[in-house]
Amino acid sequence: MKKAFGVVFLLVVIVLGFFGYQYWNSTYNGVESYAKVTQGTKHASKNNDGSPYKVNGKQYYYYDYEFPWVTKDGQKREVGYESGESANPTELQPGSYVKATVSEKRVIKGPEVVNKNAIPASVLSKLE
């Protein structure tokens, strides 16, 4: 009887470990990717209750982007990005190029503006 519980427990640990790894890999394990900046949408920040988010009486805003990312190995990913909140957020210049570390679900690090010449030719051809 104890062996059966041990085997069932071991199977549960293996299954949970497998699905936990799958979640981590798709959410937090990113690759270097590039995108051409599209027009961002400016939004007013809100508190959890829906009221305007203000700091020292100033309304905070952020920009929302939908980037068509291309990884170094040529895969395409549609992952959105929201800029940091501030009273006067800086918009990314539409038509410029950015580089970031992107997972299947989110932007992990970046984006940072890069020169068009710094993008690998195979990736650049897919961005344009």
C-alpha atoms as a PDB file:
ATOM      1  CA  MET A   1       0.000   0.000   0.000  1.00  0.00           C
ATOM      2  CA  LYS A   2       2.839   2.396   0.846  1.00  0.00           C
ATOM      3  CA  LYS A   3       4.491   1.609  -2.503  1.00  0.00           C
ATOM      4  CA  ALA A   4       1.324   2.556  -4.380  1.00  0.00           C
ATOM      5  CA  PHE A   5       1.131   5.920  -2.601  1.00  0.00           C
ATOM      6  CA  GLY A   6       4.819   6.468  -3.285  1.00  0.00           C
ATOM      7  CA  VAL A   7       4.380   5.740  -6.992  1.00  0.00           C
ATOM      8  CA  VAL A   8       1.316   7.992  -7.251  1.00  0.00           C
ATOM      9  CA  PHE A   9       3.142  10.780  -5.379  1.00  0.00           C
ATOM     10  CA  LEU A  10       6.152  10.440  -7.685  1.00  0.00           C
ATOM     11  CA  LEU A  11       3.922  10.621 -10.777  1.00  0.00           C
ATOM     12  CA  VAL A  12       2.185  13.730  -9.438  1.00  0.00           C
ATOM     13  CA  VAL A  13       5.562  15.399  -8.776  1.00  0.00           C
ATOM     14  CA  ILE A  14       6.764  14.545 -12.299  1.00  0.00           C
ATOM     15  CA  VAL A  15       3.575  15.856 -13.953  1.00  0.00           C
ATOM     16  CA  LEU A  16       3.580  19.062 -11.894  1.00  0.00           C
ATOM     17  CA  GLY A  17       7.276  19.550 -12.629  1.00  0.00           C
ATOM     18  CA  PHE A  18       6.690  19.099 -16.358  1.00  0.00           C
ATOM     19  CA  PHE A  19       3.815  21.584 -16.517  1.00  0.00           C
ATOM     20  CA  GLY A  20       5.644  24.008 -14.232  1.00  0.00           C
ATOM     21  CA  TYR A  21       8.649  23.935 -16.540  1.00  0.00           C
ATOM     22  CA  GLN A  22       6.420  24.429 -19.610  1.00  0.00           C
ATOM     23  CA  TYR A  23       4.845  27.510 -17.990  1.00  0.00           C
ATOM     24  CA  TRP A  24       8.217  28.948 -16.943  1.00  0.00           C
ATOM     25  CA  ASN A  25       9.742  28.320 -20.358  1.00  0.00           C
ATOM     26  CA  SER A  26       6.934  30.028 -22.288  1.00  0.00           C
ATOM     27  CA  THR A  27       6.658  32.957 -19.861  1.00  0.00           C
ATOM     28  CA  TYR A  28      10.149  33.785 -18.608  1.00  0.00           C
ATOM     29  CA  ASN A  29      12.644  32.199 -21.012  1.00  0.00           C
ATOM     30  CA  GLY A  30      13.129  34.795 -23.734  1.00  0.00           C
ATOM     31  CA  VAL A  31      15.235  35.244 -26.844  1.00  0.00           C
ATOM     32  CA  GLU A  32      16.707  38.331 -28.471  1.00  0.00           C
ATOM     33  CA  SER A  33      14.107  39.796 -30.826  1.00  0.00           C
ATOM     34  CA  TYR A  34      13.681  42.861 -33.027  1.00  0.00           C
ATOM     35  CA  ALA A  35      10.667  44.916 -34.088  1.00  0.00           C
ATOM     36  CA  LYS A  36       9.791  47.990 -36.090  1.00  0.00           C
ATOM     37  CA  VAL A  37       7.957  50.446 -33.865  1.00  0.00           C
ATOM     38  CA  THR A  38       4.296  50.999 -34.666  1.00  0.00           C
ATOM     39  CA  GLN A  39       2.155  53.881 -33.452  1.00  0.00           C
ATOM     40  CA  GLY A  40       1.631  53.604 -29.686  1.00  0.00           C
ATOM     41  CA  THR A  41      -1.619  54.387 -27.922  1.00  0.00           C
ATOM     42  CA  LYS A  42      -1.454  56.699 -24.898  1.00  0.00           C
ATOM     43  CA  HIS A  43      -3.593  55.627 -21.941  1.00  0.00           C
ATOM     44  CA  ALA A  44      -4.306  57.262 -18.595  1.00  0.00           C
ATOM     45  CA  SER A  45      -3.174  55.049 -15.716  1.00  0.00           C
ATOM     46  CA  LYS A  46      -5.854  53.902 -13.296  1.00  0.00           C
ATOM     47  CA  ASN A  47      -5.937  52.494  -9.785  1.00  0.00           C
ATOM     48  CA  ASN A  48      -7.396  49.043  -9.116  1.00  0.00           C
ATOM     49  CA  ASP A  49     -10.782  50.628  -8.372  1.00  0.00           C
ATOM     50  CA  GLY A  50     -10.801  52.408 -11.763  1.00  0.00           C
ATOM     51  CA  SER A  51     -10.078  55.896 -10.418  1.00  0.00           C
ATOM     52  CA  PRO A  52      -7.334  57.996 -12.083  1.00  0.00           C
ATOM     53  CA  TYR A  53      -3.814  57.214 -10.870  1.00  0.00           C
ATOM     54  CA  LYS A  54      -2.177  60.460  -9.762  1.00  0.00           C
ATOM     55  CA  VAL A  55       1.086  61.254  -8.008  1.00  0.00           C
ATOM     56  CA  ASN A  56       1.378  64.685  -6.362  1.00  0.00           C
ATOM     57  CA  GLY A  57      -1.779  65.718  -8.199  1.00  0.00           C
ATOM     58  CA  LYS A  58      -0.433  64.791 -11.678  1.00  0.00           C
ATOM     59  CA  GLN A  59      -2.183  62.179 -13.793  1.00  0.00           C
ATOM     60  CA  TYR A  60       0.104  59.334 -14.891  1.00  0.00           C
ATOM     61  CA  TYR A  61       0.061  57.880 -18.420  1.00  0.00           C
ATOM     62  CA  TYR A  62       1.648  55.003 -20.354  1.00  0.00           C
ATOM     63  CA  TYR A  63       1.962  53.932 -23.996  1.00  0.00           C
ATOM     64  CA  ASP A  64       0.637  50.603 -25.266  1.00  0.00           C
ATOM     65  CA  TYR A  65       2.243  48.946 -28.315  1.00  0.00           C
ATOM     66  CA  GLU A  66       1.549  45.817 -30.347  1.00  0.00           C
ATOM     67  CA  PHE A  67       4.869  44.739 -31.802  1.00  0.00           C
ATOM     68  CA  PRO A  68       5.389  42.115 -34.495  1.00  0.00           C
ATOM     69  CA  TRP A  69       8.673  40.733 -33.100  1.00  0.00           C
ATOM     70  CA  VAL A  70      11.135  38.672 -35.144  1.00  0.00           C
ATOM     71  CA  THR A  71      13.640  36.511 -33.269  1.00  0.00           C
ATOM     72  CA  LYS A  72      17.236  35.994 -34.398  1.00  0.00           C
ATOM     73  CA  ASP A  73      16.277  32.583 -35.821  1.00  0.00           C
ATOM     74  CA  GLY A  74      13.384  34.072 -37.838  1.00  0.00           C
ATOM     75  CA  GLN A  75      10.361  33.190 -35.687  1.00  0.00           C
ATOM     76  CA  LYS A  76       7.580  35.758 -35.518  1.00  0.00           C
ATOM     77  CA  ARG A  77       5.865  36.647 -32.230  1.00  0.00           C
ATOM     78  CA  GLU A  78       2.997  39.047 -31.582  1.00  0.00           C
ATOM     79  CA  VAL A  79       3.670  40.308 -28.063  1.00  0.00           C
ATOM     80  CA  GLY A  80       2.441  43.616 -26.685  1.00  0.00           C
ATOM     81  CA  TYR A  81       4.424  46.061 -24.595  1.00  0.00           C
ATOM     82  CA  GLU A  82       3.369  48.780 -22.156  1.00  0.00           C
ATOM     83  CA  SER A  83       5.826  51.574 -21.390  1.00  0.00           C
ATOM     84  CA  GLY A  84       6.516  52.658 -17.838  1.00  0.00           C
ATOM     85  CA  GLU A  85       4.039  54.964 -16.161  1.00  0.00           C
ATOM     86  CA  SER A  86       4.881  58.625 -15.657  1.00  0.00           C
ATOM     87  CA  ALA A  87       3.289  62.062 -15.841  1.00  0.00           C
ATOM     88  CA  ASN A  88       4.997  62.592 -19.209  1.00  0.00           C
ATOM     89  CA  PRO A  89       5.988  59.208 -20.723  1.00  0.00           C
ATOM     90  CA  THR A  90       8.310  59.144 -23.714  1.00  0.00           C
ATOM     91  CA  GLU A  91       6.791  57.635 -26.836  1.00  0.00           C
ATOM     92  CA  LEU A  92       8.901  55.371 -29.023  1.00  0.00           C
ATOM     93  CA  GLN A  93       9.349  56.960 -32.466  1.00  0.00           C
ATOM     94  CA  PRO A  94       7.150  55.130 -35.017  1.00  0.00           C
ATOM     95  CA  GLY A  95       9.281  53.619 -37.774  1.00  0.00           C
ATOM     96  CA  SER A  96      12.351  53.178 -35.557  1.00  0.00           C
ATOM     97  CA  TYR A  97      13.688  49.753 -34.586  1.00  0.00           C
ATOM     98  CA  VAL A  98      13.883  48.178 -31.144  1.00  0.00           C
ATOM     99  CA  LYS A  99      15.593  45.148 -29.624  1.00  0.00           C
ATOM    100  CA  ALA A 100      14.350  43.237 -26.585  1.00  0.00           C
ATOM    101  CA  THR A 101      14.373  39.878 -24.879  1.00  0.00           C
ATOM    102  CA  VAL A 102      10.947  38.409 -25.631  1.00  0.00           C
ATOM    103  CA  SER A 103       9.298  35.190 -24.459  1.00  0.00           C
ATOM    104  CA  GLU A 104       6.240  33.629 -26.045  1.00  0.00           C
ATOM    105  CA  LYS A 105       4.014  35.690 -23.718  1.00  0.00           C
ATOM    106  CA  ARG A 106       5.794  38.930 -22.740  1.00  0.00           C
ATOM    107  CA  VAL A 107       8.670  41.334 -23.142  1.00  0.00           C
ATOM    108  CA  ILE A 108      11.159  40.341 -20.453  1.00  0.00           C
ATOM    109  CA  LYS A 109      13.881  42.950 -20.955  1.00  0.00           C
ATOM    110  CA  GLY A 110      13.793  46.110 -23.058  1.00  0.00           C
ATOM    111  CA  PRO A 111      12.911  47.366 -25.543  1.00  0.00           C
ATOM    112  CA  GLU A 112      15.843  49.553 -26.456  1.00  0.00           C
ATOM    113  CA  VAL A 113      16.116  51.564 -29.657  1.00  0.00           C
ATOM    114  CA  VAL A 114      18.737  50.220 -32.074  1.00  0.00           C
ATOM    115  CA  ASN A 115      20.182  51.403 -35.348  1.00  0.00           C
ATOM    116  CA  LYS A 116      18.858  49.657 -38.456  1.00  0.00           C
ATOM    117  CA  ASN A 117      22.433  48.596 -39.288  1.00  0.00           C
ATOM    118  CA  ALA A 118      22.681  46.641 -36.002  1.00  0.00           C
ATOM    119  CA  ILE A 119      19.872  44.272 -37.010  1.00  0.00           C
ATOM    120  CA  PRO A 120      20.857  41.002 -38.738  1.00  0.00           C
ATOM    121  CA  ALA A 121      19.957  41.084 -42.453  1.00  0.00           C
ATOM    122  CA  SER A 122      17.765  37.967 -42.239  1.00  0.00           C
ATOM    123  CA  VAL A 123      15.689  39.557 -39.461  1.00  0.00           C
ATOM    124  CA  LEU A 124      15.522  42.962 -41.145  1.00  0.00           C
ATOM    125  CA  SER A 125      14.073  41.432 -44.329  1.00  0.00           C
ATOM    126  CA  LYS A 126      11.197  39.948 -42.275  1.00  0.00           C
ATOM    127  CA  LEU A 127      10.527  43.241 -40.470  1.00  0.00           C
ATOM    128  CA  GLU A 128      10.000  45.223 -43.662  1.00  0.00           C
END
